[in-house]
Structures are given as structure tokens and as C-alpha cells.
Amino acid sequence: MEIVEIDDSSQVINQPYFVRHRLNNENWQLPEGNVFKAVAKEFLIWVQGTLIKTQLLKDFSFHYKALSEDWQVILYLARRTKFFGTDDVVVRYRKHAVSITAQNRKRERYYLWCKSDTLMFYEAYDFSENSKEEKKVIANRIQLHLSAYAHQSNASYSDVLKIWARVSQRLPLLKSIKLFFLILWARTKLSIKRIFPNYKRNVWALQKANEAR
């Protein structure tokens, strides 16, 4: 079952995921059955649009409390049970400009979201039921979110490396090495930006001047 996002005036601001997916692929279908790999690749299923057995919620056992609460719950449920649904929109989800989610998504706080998603997927990586292919998908997610965390100027470099050291204990060696160099490159770019804040602007102006000659 799907939801549609609305604003404070009850106007639709985002189409359901299945509509957006089918704009690119008319044959796309909502995943059913074992959807764990699908929901690890991307956020697809909203908790607000699902019917869940009470016992599954009582057994919820993520140790880390993520900012992406909906995604975390769906990851857990997808690992414990099968999903079946329809394309019907059953919920209108109102997004407020001052909501906790909106505030955490602001640029100055986005680093917290990146860190949180990294740690969420780090825990999901250890689910005993994970197949080799599912672990690969989650490892790619960890790489994506930790790299994004490293790119945030508000993120402490020491904390980025601390988290890398933590996740690298579980990830394949080549993935850990690649992630380290991605982090190093991200922090190097941040350092250059701090030292030469107008570097890109000056290069662009110089190029335009040369083109005008």
C-alpha cells in the first residue's frame, strides 16, 4: 500500500514511489515476498501504509536508534517476514516545514543523518539471515552514507575515521580500502575549499575570460 505526500495546504507535493518508478520503467512492479534486498537498495515502503503483526513489532530489536526510523523498521520487518501489497494510495502524509525530519534534513544538520544511516546499515549488515548478495547491497549502502558523511563540513574527521575503523571490521577488505580513499578524497576537497573558498569561482571566471579573448 502506498502513501502520497502533501503540504500544509493539503496539496500533493510528491507522487507515490510506484508512479515515479514507472515514469522510467513502465514494467516496474512493487517488490513482494522477500523484499529485504529491494528495501536495502532504496527506501520503498512506508510504515504508515503497512499492516503489521503486533508480535513482529514487539520483537523489534535494533540496538541503534536511527533518525530514519521508518526505514529502520522496514529493514527489520523485511528480514523477519514477507511483504505483500497493492499500488493503492491509502495514506496522505503531511510534511511540515518545521517537522523533526525537515529540521534534520537541513544542510547544517544533514551530517547527522548521514552518520545515522551509516550506523543503521552497519547493524543491518550483521543480520544472520543475510545472503552474500544482500551483504553486498548493504556494504554499498554503508559506503554511500559514510562517504556522504565524510563530505559534510560539520562532520569531525576523527569521528569519520572512527566509524570507518568500526565498519571496516565487517566489510570485505577491498571495500574497506576503497571506502578509506573515498573518505580521504572527501576530506581533501573540504580542506581545499576551506583554504581557497573562491577557488572554483575564480577558475570559472578565468575560463570565461580566456573564452572572451
Protein backbone atom coordinates (compact mmCIF):
# COMPACT_ATOMS: atom_id res chain seq x y z
CA MET A 1 0.00 0.00 0.00
CA GLU A 2 1.26 3.44 -0.87
CA ILE A 3 1.17 6.95 0.56
CA VAL A 4 1.19 10.36 -1.07
CA GLU A 5 2.92 13.38 0.47
CA ILE A 6 1.00 16.62 0.98
CA ASP A 7 1.98 20.07 2.28
CA ASP A 8 0.42 22.27 4.95
CA SER A 9 -2.31 23.25 2.46
CA SER A 10 -3.12 19.61 1.64
CA GLN A 11 -1.61 19.93 -1.84
CA VAL A 12 0.19 16.88 -3.23
CA ILE A 13 3.94 17.57 -3.31
CA ASN A 14 5.30 14.14 -4.24
CA GLN A 15 3.81 11.32 -6.25
CA PRO A 16 3.91 7.77 -4.80
CA TYR A 17 7.12 5.86 -5.42
CA PHE A 18 5.49 3.42 -7.82
CA VAL A 19 4.33 6.30 -10.04
CA ARG A 20 7.82 7.81 -10.13
CA HIS A 21 9.44 4.44 -10.86
CA ARG A 22 7.08 3.73 -13.73
CA LEU A 23 7.90 7.02 -15.37
CA ASN A 24 11.32 5.48 -16.04
CA ASN A 25 10.17 1.87 -16.43
CA GLU A 26 6.54 1.13 -17.25
CA ASN A 27 7.03 -2.54 -16.33
CA TRP A 28 8.27 -1.78 -12.81
CA GLN A 29 6.41 -3.64 -10.08
CA LEU A 30 6.30 -3.17 -6.34
CA PRO A 31 8.54 -5.84 -4.76
CA GLU A 32 6.72 -8.67 -2.98
CA GLY A 33 7.68 -11.61 -0.81
CA ASN A 34 11.27 -11.33 0.39
CA VAL A 35 11.81 -7.60 -0.19
CA PHE A 36 14.88 -7.16 2.01
CA LYS A 37 17.35 -6.54 -0.82
CA ALA A 38 14.93 -4.13 -2.50
CA VAL A 39 14.37 -2.03 0.63
CA ALA A 40 18.10 -2.08 1.42
CA LYS A 41 18.79 -0.58 -2.01
CA GLU A 42 16.29 2.24 -1.51
CA PHE A 43 13.52 3.47 0.76
CA LEU A 44 10.40 1.97 -0.82
CA ILE A 45 7.84 1.13 1.86
CA TRP A 46 6.33 3.49 4.40
CA VAL A 47 5.40 2.16 7.83
CA GLN A 48 2.28 4.34 7.75
CA GLY A 49 0.97 2.39 4.75
CA THR A 50 1.50 -1.11 6.16
CA LEU A 51 -0.43 -3.59 8.29
CA ILE A 52 1.98 -5.34 10.66
CA LYS A 53 1.54 -8.24 13.05
CA THR A 54 1.79 -6.97 16.61
CA GLN A 55 4.27 -9.68 17.59
CA LEU A 56 6.73 -8.51 14.93
CA LEU A 57 6.73 -5.03 16.42
CA LYS A 58 7.15 -6.42 19.93
CA ASP A 59 10.19 -8.36 18.73
CA PHE A 60 11.81 -5.31 17.11
CA SER A 61 15.44 -5.40 18.24
CA PHE A 62 17.66 -2.85 16.52
CA HIS A 63 20.20 -1.70 19.10
CA TYR A 64 20.91 1.58 17.34
CA LYS A 65 18.08 4.12 17.17
CA ALA A 66 18.34 5.69 13.71
CA LEU A 67 16.98 9.02 12.54
CA SER A 68 15.49 7.16 9.56
CA GLU A 69 13.04 5.38 11.87
CA ASP A 70 10.65 4.25 9.13
CA TRP A 71 13.45 2.75 7.06
CA GLN A 72 14.93 1.03 10.09
CA VAL A 73 11.61 -0.60 10.99
CA ILE A 74 11.04 -1.73 7.39
CA LEU A 75 14.56 -3.21 7.18
CA TYR A 76 13.92 -5.21 10.34
CA LEU A 77 10.47 -6.39 9.23
CA ALA A 78 11.71 -7.28 5.74
CA ARG A 79 14.33 -9.50 7.34
CA ARG A 80 11.75 -11.23 9.53
CA THR A 81 8.70 -11.61 7.28
CA LYS A 82 7.39 -11.36 3.72
CA PHE A 83 5.64 -8.33 2.23
CA PHE A 84 2.58 -8.23 0.00
CA GLY A 85 0.65 -5.16 -1.08
CA THR A 86 -1.08 -3.11 -3.75
CA ASP A 87 -0.49 0.13 -5.63
CA ASP A 88 -3.44 1.75 -3.89
CA VAL A 89 -2.74 5.02 -2.07
CA VAL A 90 -4.10 4.58 1.46
CA VAL A 91 -2.39 7.40 3.36
CA ARG A 92 -1.94 11.14 2.83
CA TYR A 93 1.26 12.06 4.68
CA ARG A 94 1.55 15.70 5.64
CA LYS A 95 5.09 17.17 5.61
CA HIS A 96 5.59 20.25 7.77
CA ALA A 97 8.43 22.68 7.19
CA VAL A 98 9.23 22.63 10.93
CA SER A 99 8.95 18.87 11.46
CA ILE A 100 11.83 16.98 13.08
CA THR A 101 12.59 15.27 9.77
CA ALA A 102 12.67 18.57 7.90
CA GLN A 103 14.90 20.16 10.53
CA ASN A 104 17.35 17.25 10.49
CA ARG A 105 17.45 17.33 6.70
CA LYS A 106 18.63 20.94 6.68
CA ARG A 107 22.12 21.42 5.30
CA GLU A 108 23.68 22.30 8.66
CA ARG A 109 22.29 19.12 10.27
CA TYR A 110 22.47 16.77 7.31
CA TYR A 111 25.74 15.28 8.58
CA LEU A 112 23.80 13.73 11.48
CA TRP A 113 21.52 11.98 9.01
CA CYS A 114 24.46 10.61 7.03
CA LYS A 115 26.10 9.28 10.18
CA SER A 116 22.86 7.76 11.41
CA ASP A 117 22.17 5.92 8.15
CA THR A 118 25.73 4.57 8.13
CA LEU A 119 25.30 3.06 11.59
CA MET A 120 21.84 1.77 10.78
CA PHE A 121 23.09 -0.20 7.79
CA TYR A 122 26.16 -1.29 9.71
CA GLU A 123 23.87 -3.09 12.16
CA ALA A 124 21.70 -4.46 9.34
CA TYR A 125 24.83 -5.92 7.74
CA ASP A 126 25.06 -8.41 10.61
CA PHE A 127 21.60 -9.94 10.29
CA SER A 128 22.28 -13.68 10.38
CA GLU A 129 19.83 -14.33 7.54
CA ASN A 130 21.69 -12.10 5.08
CA SER A 131 22.84 -13.74 1.89
CA LYS A 132 26.15 -12.88 0.22
CA GLU A 133 24.31 -10.74 -2.35
CA GLU A 134 22.34 -8.92 0.37
CA LYS A 135 25.53 -8.18 2.28
CA LYS A 136 26.97 -6.70 -0.90
CA VAL A 137 23.96 -4.39 -1.25
CA ILE A 138 24.25 -3.26 2.36
CA ALA A 139 28.01 -2.74 2.02
CA ASN A 140 27.31 -0.41 -0.90
CA ARG A 141 24.83 1.46 1.28
CA ILE A 142 27.40 1.84 4.07
CA GLN A 143 29.90 3.17 1.53
CA LEU A 144 27.35 5.65 0.17
CA HIS A 145 26.31 7.06 3.55
CA LEU A 146 29.76 7.13 5.14
CA SER A 147 31.19 8.86 2.06
CA ALA A 148 28.37 11.40 2.30
CA TYR A 149 29.18 11.88 6.00
CA ALA A 150 32.83 12.49 5.14
CA HIS A 151 31.77 15.20 2.68
CA GLN A 152 29.95 17.21 5.37
CA SER A 153 31.96 20.12 6.77
CA ASN A 154 30.24 19.71 10.16
CA ALA A 155 31.44 16.13 10.48
CA SER A 156 34.50 15.61 12.63
CA TYR A 157 37.29 13.96 10.65
CA SER A 158 38.28 11.91 13.68
CA ASP A 159 34.71 10.66 14.04
CA VAL A 160 34.54 9.78 10.33
CA LEU A 161 37.72 7.70 10.69
CA LYS A 162 36.41 6.16 13.91
CA ILE A 163 33.28 4.96 12.15
CA TRP A 164 35.32 3.76 9.17
CA ALA A 165 37.51 1.70 11.53
CA ARG A 166 34.38 0.24 13.08
CA VAL A 167 32.61 -0.75 9.86
CA SER A 168 35.80 -1.94 8.15
CA GLN A 169 35.99 -4.79 10.68
CA ARG A 170 32.97 -6.36 8.95
CA LEU A 171 33.26 -5.19 5.35
CA PRO A 172 35.34 -7.01 2.71
CA LEU A 173 38.95 -5.80 2.59
CA LEU A 174 38.72 -4.20 -0.86
CA LYS A 175 35.52 -2.39 0.09
CA SER A 176 37.16 -1.06 3.27
CA ILE A 177 40.21 0.17 1.35
CA LYS A 178 38.06 1.84 -1.30
CA LEU A 179 35.97 3.50 1.38
CA PHE A 180 39.09 4.81 3.13
CA PHE A 181 40.30 6.52 -0.06
CA LEU A 182 36.84 7.94 -0.73
CA ILE A 183 36.91 9.45 2.76
CA LEU A 184 40.42 10.78 2.24
CA TRP A 185 39.39 12.39 -1.06
CA ALA A 186 36.29 13.93 0.50
CA ARG A 187 38.25 15.46 3.37
CA THR A 188 40.94 16.71 0.99
CA LYS A 189 38.32 18.55 -1.06
CA LEU A 190 36.89 20.07 2.12
CA SER A 191 40.36 21.26 3.17
CA ILE A 192 40.95 22.84 -0.23
CA LYS A 193 37.58 24.54 -0.04
CA ARG A 194 38.40 26.00 3.38
CA ILE A 195 41.78 27.31 2.25
CA PHE A 196 40.57 28.55 -1.13
CA PRO A 197 36.83 29.25 -0.68
CA ASN A 198 36.61 31.03 -4.05
CA TYR A 199 38.76 28.55 -5.97
CA LYS A 200 36.02 27.20 -8.26
CA ARG A 201 34.58 30.66 -8.82
CA ASN A 202 37.98 32.07 -9.75
CA VAL A 203 38.71 29.15 -12.12
CA TRP A 204 35.33 29.64 -13.78
CA ALA A 205 35.95 33.40 -14.15
CA LEU A 206 39.39 32.75 -15.63
CA GLN A 207 37.93 30.29 -18.14
CA LYS A 208 35.27 32.79 -19.18
CA ALA A 209 37.89 35.49 -19.58
CA ASN A 210 40.02 33.26 -21.77
CA GLU A 211 36.99 32.32 -23.88
CA ALA A 212 36.18 36.00 -24.39
CA ARG A 213 39.65 36.77 -25.83
